[in-house]
Amino acid sequence: MKKISSSIVIFILLFNVNLYSQNVNKNNFTSLIQEEVGDLNNDKCNDRIMVEMDITDKTQPSRLQIFLSQPNKKLQLVVSSTKLIEGQYPSRKNGEYSGNNVPDFFIENGKLIMLTDIDHRKSSYEFRLNKNNFELVKISRVIWDGKDTTFETEINLLAGTKLEFEQDFGPDKKNIRKKAIKINSLPKIQDLSFSDLEKF
């Protein structure tokens, strides 16, 4: 009986060591790409956004982390996502460089803004903080035809509207198309992947 108990204890210890090793090995996001500070939760204290890359992984994925200040003045991790940003060498490109930069993140008037440039289409995503969740509320996109026309899209998820129009570098917007879009609930940043964002 003592032999069996000893074996079980040794097995549990080895299992825990193995689990710990797996967790350590998975935390290879050691290359800091961007760090942004500002007030996201309107408490007049700095919050922090960090984007880190795993350069040991062949796809070079990035991780977004958002830390919010607490009443005790310490920062608490509220968001950690590895699927919002596409890897630099994604499988869809068969290991080739995607050609797209890692998105930029900003804090403006208490809102979190993410700017992307994917396949020459520039997009801006605006997130609002609601109960420790960052909800996607607005999307703006623009792509240039290489000549004299830009094609623009403005999506307001709060209003459920999508505007599409063309502009020829003048003050007037042309060919405005407006349609209603159905939004059951505002997408949360931790649930979104880069491919989800491209579907809007």
C-alpha atoms as a PDB file:
ATOM      1  CA  MET A   1       0.000   0.000   0.000  1.00  0.00           C
ATOM      2  CA  LYS A   2       2.859   2.356   0.844  1.00  0.00           C
ATOM      3  CA  LYS A   3       4.476   1.550  -2.525  1.00  0.00           C
ATOM      4  CA  ILE A   4       1.315   2.496  -4.417  1.00  0.00           C
ATOM      5  CA  SER A   5       0.964   5.750  -2.455  1.00  0.00           C
ATOM      6  CA  SER A   6       4.577   6.678  -3.174  1.00  0.00           C
ATOM      7  CA  SER A   7       4.093   5.983  -6.867  1.00  0.00           C
ATOM      8  CA  ILE A   8       0.989   8.158  -6.973  1.00  0.00           C
ATOM      9  CA  VAL A   9       2.774  11.016  -5.202  1.00  0.00           C
ATOM     10  CA  ILE A  10       5.736  10.799  -7.611  1.00  0.00           C
ATOM     11  CA  PHE A  11       3.352  10.705 -10.600  1.00  0.00           C
ATOM     12  CA  ILE A  12       1.476  13.808  -9.365  1.00  0.00           C
ATOM     13  CA  LEU A  13       4.748  15.671  -8.782  1.00  0.00           C
ATOM     14  CA  LEU A  14       6.049  14.801 -12.257  1.00  0.00           C
ATOM     15  CA  PHE A  15       2.703  15.735 -13.810  1.00  0.00           C
ATOM     16  CA  ASN A  16       2.753  19.133 -12.090  1.00  0.00           C
ATOM     17  CA  VAL A  17       6.353  19.761 -13.160  1.00  0.00           C
ATOM     18  CA  ASN A  18       5.382  18.901 -16.748  1.00  0.00           C
ATOM     19  CA  LEU A  19       2.423  21.285 -16.618  1.00  0.00           C
ATOM     20  CA  TYR A  20       4.646  24.043 -15.245  1.00  0.00           C
ATOM     21  CA  SER A  21       7.180  23.445 -18.030  1.00  0.00           C
ATOM     22  CA  GLN A  22       4.451  23.663 -20.675  1.00  0.00           C
ATOM     23  CA  ASN A  23       3.220  26.976 -19.288  1.00  0.00           C
ATOM     24  CA  VAL A  24       6.722  28.428 -19.207  1.00  0.00           C
ATOM     25  CA  ASN A  25       7.452  27.280 -22.773  1.00  0.00           C
ATOM     26  CA  LYS A  26       4.226  28.818 -24.048  1.00  0.00           C
ATOM     27  CA  ASN A  27       5.168  32.218 -22.640  1.00  0.00           C
ATOM     28  CA  ASN A  28       7.669  33.141 -25.340  1.00  0.00           C
ATOM     29  CA  PHE A  29       6.210  36.572 -26.098  1.00  0.00           C
ATOM     30  CA  THR A  30       9.408  38.312 -25.088  1.00  0.00           C
ATOM     31  CA  SER A  31       9.960  40.815 -27.909  1.00  0.00           C
ATOM     32  CA  LEU A  32       8.209  44.098 -27.035  1.00  0.00           C
ATOM     33  CA  ILE A  33       6.694  45.669 -30.165  1.00  0.00           C
ATOM     34  CA  GLN A  34       4.659  48.480 -28.605  1.00  0.00           C
ATOM     35  CA  GLU A  35       3.764  49.896 -25.215  1.00  0.00           C
ATOM     36  CA  GLU A  36       1.126  52.599 -24.821  1.00  0.00           C
ATOM     37  CA  VAL A  37      -0.041  54.300 -21.625  1.00  0.00           C
ATOM     38  CA  GLY A  38      -3.108  56.434 -20.993  1.00  0.00           C
ATOM     39  CA  ASP A  39      -6.381  56.529 -19.076  1.00  0.00           C
ATOM     40  CA  LEU A  40      -8.878  53.966 -20.337  1.00  0.00           C
ATOM     41  CA  ASN A  41     -11.100  53.569 -17.285  1.00  0.00           C
ATOM     42  CA  ASN A  42     -11.477  57.276 -16.468  1.00  0.00           C
ATOM     43  CA  ASP A  43      -9.827  57.134 -13.039  1.00  0.00           C
ATOM     44  CA  LYS A  44      -7.085  59.666 -13.913  1.00  0.00           C
ATOM     45  CA  CYS A  45      -4.415  56.959 -13.615  1.00  0.00           C
ATOM     46  CA  ASN A  46      -2.399  55.455 -16.435  1.00  0.00           C
ATOM     47  CA  ASP A  47      -3.439  52.123 -17.894  1.00  0.00           C
ATOM     48  CA  ARG A  48      -1.136  50.144 -20.158  1.00  0.00           C
ATOM     49  CA  ILE A  49      -1.333  48.399 -23.517  1.00  0.00           C
ATOM     50  CA  MET A  50       1.443  46.009 -24.533  1.00  0.00           C
ATOM     51  CA  VAL A  51       2.046  44.199 -27.812  1.00  0.00           C
ATOM     52  CA  GLU A  52       4.702  41.473 -27.689  1.00  0.00           C
ATOM     53  CA  MET A  53       5.903  39.012 -30.314  1.00  0.00           C
ATOM     54  CA  ASP A  54       7.071  35.422 -30.056  1.00  0.00           C
ATOM     55  CA  ILE A  55      10.118  35.407 -32.335  1.00  0.00           C
ATOM     56  CA  THR A  56      10.868  31.754 -31.536  1.00  0.00           C
ATOM     57  CA  ASP A  57       7.664  30.620 -33.281  1.00  0.00           C
ATOM     58  CA  LYS A  58       7.980  30.262 -37.070  1.00  0.00           C
ATOM     59  CA  THR A  59       4.743  32.226 -37.632  1.00  0.00           C
ATOM     60  CA  GLN A  60       5.909  35.043 -35.295  1.00  0.00           C
ATOM     61  CA  PRO A  61       2.553  35.591 -33.548  1.00  0.00           C
ATOM     62  CA  SER A  62       1.834  38.670 -31.428  1.00  0.00           C
ATOM     63  CA  ARG A  63       0.046  39.001 -28.116  1.00  0.00           C
ATOM     64  CA  LEU A  64      -2.022  41.990 -27.018  1.00  0.00           C
ATOM     65  CA  GLN A  65      -2.315  42.630 -23.280  1.00  0.00           C
ATOM     66  CA  ILE A  66      -4.301  45.389 -21.578  1.00  0.00           C
ATOM     67  CA  PHE A  67      -3.718  46.345 -17.956  1.00  0.00           C
ATOM     68  CA  LEU A  68      -6.143  48.591 -16.071  1.00  0.00           C
ATOM     69  CA  SER A  69      -5.327  50.592 -12.957  1.00  0.00           C
ATOM     70  CA  GLN A  70      -7.112  49.518  -9.780  1.00  0.00           C
ATOM     71  CA  PRO A  71      -8.150  51.467  -6.634  1.00  0.00           C
ATOM     72  CA  ASN A  72      -4.926  50.258  -4.962  1.00  0.00           C
ATOM     73  CA  LYS A  73      -2.984  52.012  -7.808  1.00  0.00           C
ATOM     74  CA  LYS A  74      -1.730  48.675  -9.157  1.00  0.00           C
ATOM     75  CA  LEU A  75      -2.264  47.460 -12.720  1.00  0.00           C
ATOM     76  CA  GLN A  76      -4.422  44.397 -13.352  1.00  0.00           C
ATOM     77  CA  LEU A  77      -4.395  42.316 -16.532  1.00  0.00           C
ATOM     78  CA  VAL A  78      -7.920  42.337 -18.022  1.00  0.00           C
ATOM     79  CA  VAL A  79      -7.266  41.279 -21.640  1.00  0.00           C
ATOM     80  CA  SER A  80      -4.731  38.897 -23.142  1.00  0.00           C
ATOM     81  CA  SER A  81      -5.233  37.849 -26.765  1.00  0.00           C
ATOM     82  CA  THR A  82      -3.027  36.030 -29.245  1.00  0.00           C
ATOM     83  CA  LYS A  83      -5.638  35.828 -32.025  1.00  0.00           C
ATOM     84  CA  LEU A  84      -6.427  39.517 -32.648  1.00  0.00           C
ATOM     85  CA  ILE A  85      -3.160  40.095 -34.550  1.00  0.00           C
ATOM     86  CA  GLU A  86      -2.137  37.888 -37.458  1.00  0.00           C
ATOM     87  CA  GLY A  87       1.327  36.346 -37.317  1.00  0.00           C
ATOM     88  CA  GLN A  88       4.008  37.806 -39.551  1.00  0.00           C
ATOM     89  CA  TYR A  89       4.467  34.494 -41.413  1.00  0.00           C
ATOM     90  CA  PRO A  90       0.928  33.042 -41.385  1.00  0.00           C
ATOM     91  CA  SER A  91      -0.061  29.586 -42.601  1.00  0.00           C
ATOM     92  CA  ARG A  92      -2.354  31.163 -45.225  1.00  0.00           C
ATOM     93  CA  LYS A  93       0.827  32.444 -46.904  1.00  0.00           C
ATOM     94  CA  ASN A  94       2.571  29.061 -46.584  1.00  0.00           C
ATOM     95  CA  GLY A  95       5.251  30.492 -44.336  1.00  0.00           C
ATOM     96  CA  GLU A  96       5.855  33.561 -46.491  1.00  0.00           C
ATOM     97  CA  TYR A  97       5.916  37.071 -44.971  1.00  0.00           C
ATOM     98  CA  SER A  98       2.388  38.499 -44.849  1.00  0.00           C
ATOM     99  CA  GLY A  99       3.546  41.945 -45.975  1.00  0.00           C
ATOM    100  CA  ASN A 100       1.451  43.552 -43.231  1.00  0.00           C
ATOM    101  CA  ASN A 101       2.751  45.458 -40.228  1.00  0.00           C
ATOM    102  CA  VAL A 102       1.753  44.712 -36.653  1.00  0.00           C
ATOM    103  CA  PRO A 103      -1.219  47.010 -35.810  1.00  0.00           C
ATOM    104  CA  ASP A 104      -0.693  50.236 -33.853  1.00  0.00           C
ATOM    105  CA  PHE A 105      -2.678  50.881 -30.669  1.00  0.00           C
ATOM    106  CA  PHE A 106      -3.580  54.295 -29.233  1.00  0.00           C
ATOM    107  CA  ILE A 107      -5.608  55.699 -26.375  1.00  0.00           C
ATOM    108  CA  GLU A 108      -7.758  58.676 -27.393  1.00  0.00           C
ATOM    109  CA  ASN A 109     -10.384  60.278 -25.160  1.00  0.00           C
ATOM    110  CA  GLY A 110     -10.687  57.117 -23.084  1.00  0.00           C
ATOM    111  CA  LYS A 111     -11.189  54.918 -26.160  1.00  0.00           C
ATOM    112  CA  LEU A 112      -8.855  52.199 -27.416  1.00  0.00           C
ATOM    113  CA  ILE A 113      -7.990  52.633 -31.097  1.00  0.00           C
ATOM    114  CA  MET A 114      -6.365  49.956 -33.256  1.00  0.00           C
ATOM    115  CA  LEU A 115      -4.954  50.909 -36.681  1.00  0.00           C
ATOM    116  CA  THR A 116      -4.220  48.252 -39.279  1.00  0.00           C
ATOM    117  CA  ASP A 117      -2.866  48.242 -42.830  1.00  0.00           C
ATOM    118  CA  ILE A 118      -3.739  44.873 -44.335  1.00  0.00           C
ATOM    119  CA  ASP A 119      -3.220  44.263 -48.040  1.00  0.00           C
ATOM    120  CA  HIS A 120      -3.115  48.062 -48.590  1.00  0.00           C
ATOM    121  CA  ARG A 121      -6.485  48.634 -46.896  1.00  0.00           C
ATOM    122  CA  LYS A 122      -6.169  50.944 -43.909  1.00  0.00           C
ATOM    123  CA  SER A 123      -8.638  50.372 -41.063  1.00  0.00           C
ATOM    124  CA  SER A 124      -9.359  51.988 -37.724  1.00  0.00           C
ATOM    125  CA  TYR A 125     -11.159  50.072 -34.974  1.00  0.00           C
ATOM    126  CA  GLU A 126     -12.568  51.856 -31.926  1.00  0.00           C
ATOM    127  CA  PHE A 127     -13.251  49.982 -28.684  1.00  0.00           C
ATOM    128  CA  ARG A 128     -15.032  51.282 -25.599  1.00  0.00           C
ATOM    129  CA  LEU A 129     -14.551  49.967 -22.080  1.00  0.00           C
ATOM    130  CA  ASN A 130     -17.689  48.494 -20.512  1.00  0.00           C
ATOM    131  CA  LYS A 131     -17.471  46.416 -17.320  1.00  0.00           C
ATOM    132  CA  ASN A 132     -13.825  45.459 -17.924  1.00  0.00           C
ATOM    133  CA  ASN A 133     -14.666  44.444 -21.513  1.00  0.00           C
ATOM    134  CA  PHE A 134     -13.469  46.330 -24.568  1.00  0.00           C
ATOM    135  CA  GLU A 135     -16.372  46.369 -27.025  1.00  0.00           C
ATOM    136  CA  LEU A 136     -15.943  47.160 -30.722  1.00  0.00           C
ATOM    137  CA  VAL A 137     -18.149  50.172 -31.541  1.00  0.00           C
ATOM    138  CA  LYS A 138     -16.792  51.756 -34.759  1.00  0.00           C
ATOM    139  CA  ILE A 139     -14.833  50.756 -37.852  1.00  0.00           C
ATOM    140  CA  SER A 140     -13.471  53.079 -40.551  1.00  0.00           C
ATOM    141  CA  ARG A 141     -11.756  51.820 -43.686  1.00  0.00           C
ATOM    142  CA  VAL A 142     -10.146  53.338 -46.757  1.00  0.00           C
ATOM    143  CA  ILE A 143      -8.428  51.893 -49.805  1.00  0.00           C
ATOM    144  CA  TRP A 144      -6.935  53.851 -52.692  1.00  0.00           C
ATOM    145  CA  ASP A 145      -7.273  52.664 -56.290  1.00  0.00           C
ATOM    146  CA  GLY A 146      -3.766  53.869 -57.145  1.00  0.00           C
ATOM    147  CA  LYS A 147      -5.139  56.697 -59.277  1.00  0.00           C
ATOM    148  CA  ASP A 148      -7.486  59.381 -58.010  1.00  0.00           C
ATOM    149  CA  THR A 149     -10.259  57.615 -56.076  1.00  0.00           C
ATOM    150  CA  THR A 150     -10.552  56.254 -52.550  1.00  0.00           C
ATOM    151  CA  PHE A 151     -13.186  53.770 -51.444  1.00  0.00           C
ATOM    152  CA  GLU A 152     -14.289  54.357 -47.871  1.00  0.00           C
ATOM    153  CA  THR A 153     -16.426  52.499 -45.348  1.00  0.00           C
ATOM    154  CA  GLU A 154     -17.790  53.707 -42.016  1.00  0.00           C
ATOM    155  CA  ILE A 155     -19.437  51.191 -39.699  1.00  0.00           C
ATOM    156  CA  ASN A 156     -21.201  52.219 -36.497  1.00  0.00           C
ATOM    157  CA  LEU A 157     -21.994  49.101 -34.491  1.00  0.00           C
ATOM    158  CA  LEU A 158     -23.922  51.072 -31.861  1.00  0.00           C
ATOM    159  CA  ALA A 159     -26.272  52.517 -34.494  1.00  0.00           C
ATOM    160  CA  GLY A 160     -26.202  49.381 -36.656  1.00  0.00           C
ATOM    161  CA  THR A 161     -25.295  51.294 -39.819  1.00  0.00           C
ATOM    162  CA  LYS A 162     -22.776  50.879 -42.613  1.00  0.00           C
ATOM    163  CA  LEU A 163     -21.885  53.683 -45.040  1.00  0.00           C
ATOM    164  CA  GLU A 164     -19.892  53.058 -48.210  1.00  0.00           C
ATOM    165  CA  PHE A 165     -18.814  55.790 -50.605  1.00  0.00           C
ATOM    166  CA  GLU A 166     -16.231  56.809 -53.161  1.00  0.00           C
ATOM    167  CA  GLN A 167     -14.262  60.030 -53.016  1.00  0.00           C
ATOM    168  CA  ASP A 168     -12.076  61.629 -55.679  1.00  0.00           C
ATOM    169  CA  PHE A 169      -9.907  63.772 -53.393  1.00  0.00           C
ATOM    170  CA  GLY A 170     -12.531  66.527 -53.472  1.00  0.00           C
ATOM    171  CA  PRO A 171     -14.752  67.740 -50.609  1.00  0.00           C
ATOM    172  CA  ASP A 172     -17.816  65.857 -51.855  1.00  0.00           C
ATOM    173  CA  LYS A 173     -18.572  62.245 -51.135  1.00  0.00           C
ATOM    174  CA  LYS A 174     -19.951  60.287 -54.080  1.00  0.00           C
ATOM    175  CA  ASN A 175     -22.093  57.203 -54.534  1.00  0.00           C
ATOM    176  CA  ILE A 176     -23.096  56.990 -50.882  1.00  0.00           C
ATOM    177  CA  ARG A 177     -24.662  53.648 -50.010  1.00  0.00           C
ATOM    178  CA  LYS A 178     -26.212  53.229 -46.586  1.00  0.00           C
ATOM    179  CA  LYS A 179     -27.535  50.012 -45.148  1.00  0.00           C
ATOM    180  CA  ALA A 180     -28.580  48.642 -41.797  1.00  0.00           C
ATOM    181  CA  ILE A 181     -26.529  45.863 -40.255  1.00  0.00           C
ATOM    182  CA  LYS A 182     -27.744  43.466 -37.601  1.00  0.00           C
ATOM    183  CA  ILE A 183     -25.703  43.470 -34.401  1.00  0.00           C
ATOM    184  CA  ASN A 184     -26.905  41.085 -31.680  1.00  0.00           C
ATOM    185  CA  SER A 185     -24.218  42.178 -29.235  1.00  0.00           C
ATOM    186  CA  LEU A 186     -21.056  44.260 -29.453  1.00  0.00           C
ATOM    187  CA  PRO A 187     -18.001  42.069 -30.146  1.00  0.00           C
ATOM    188  CA  LYS A 188     -15.452  41.943 -27.323  1.00  0.00           C
ATOM    189  CA  ILE A 189     -11.779  42.380 -28.129  1.00  0.00           C
ATOM    190  CA  GLN A 190     -10.765  39.122 -26.427  1.00  0.00           C
ATOM    191  CA  ASP A 191     -13.213  37.160 -28.613  1.00  0.00           C
ATOM    192  CA  LEU A 192     -12.137  38.671 -31.943  1.00  0.00           C
ATOM    193  CA  SER A 193      -9.587  37.248 -34.356  1.00  0.00           C
ATOM    194  CA  PHE A 194      -7.933  39.204 -37.161  1.00  0.00           C
ATOM    195  CA  SER A 195     -10.074  37.259 -39.662  1.00  0.00           C
ATOM    196  CA  ASP A 196     -13.257  38.237 -37.760  1.00  0.00           C
ATOM    197  CA  LEU A 197     -12.364  41.917 -38.205  1.00  0.00           C
ATOM    198  CA  GLU A 198     -11.888  41.480 -41.947  1.00  0.00           C
ATOM    199  CA  LYS A 199     -15.466  40.169 -42.287  1.00  0.00           C
ATOM    200  CA  PHE A 200     -17.111  43.471 -41.326  1.00  0.00           C
END
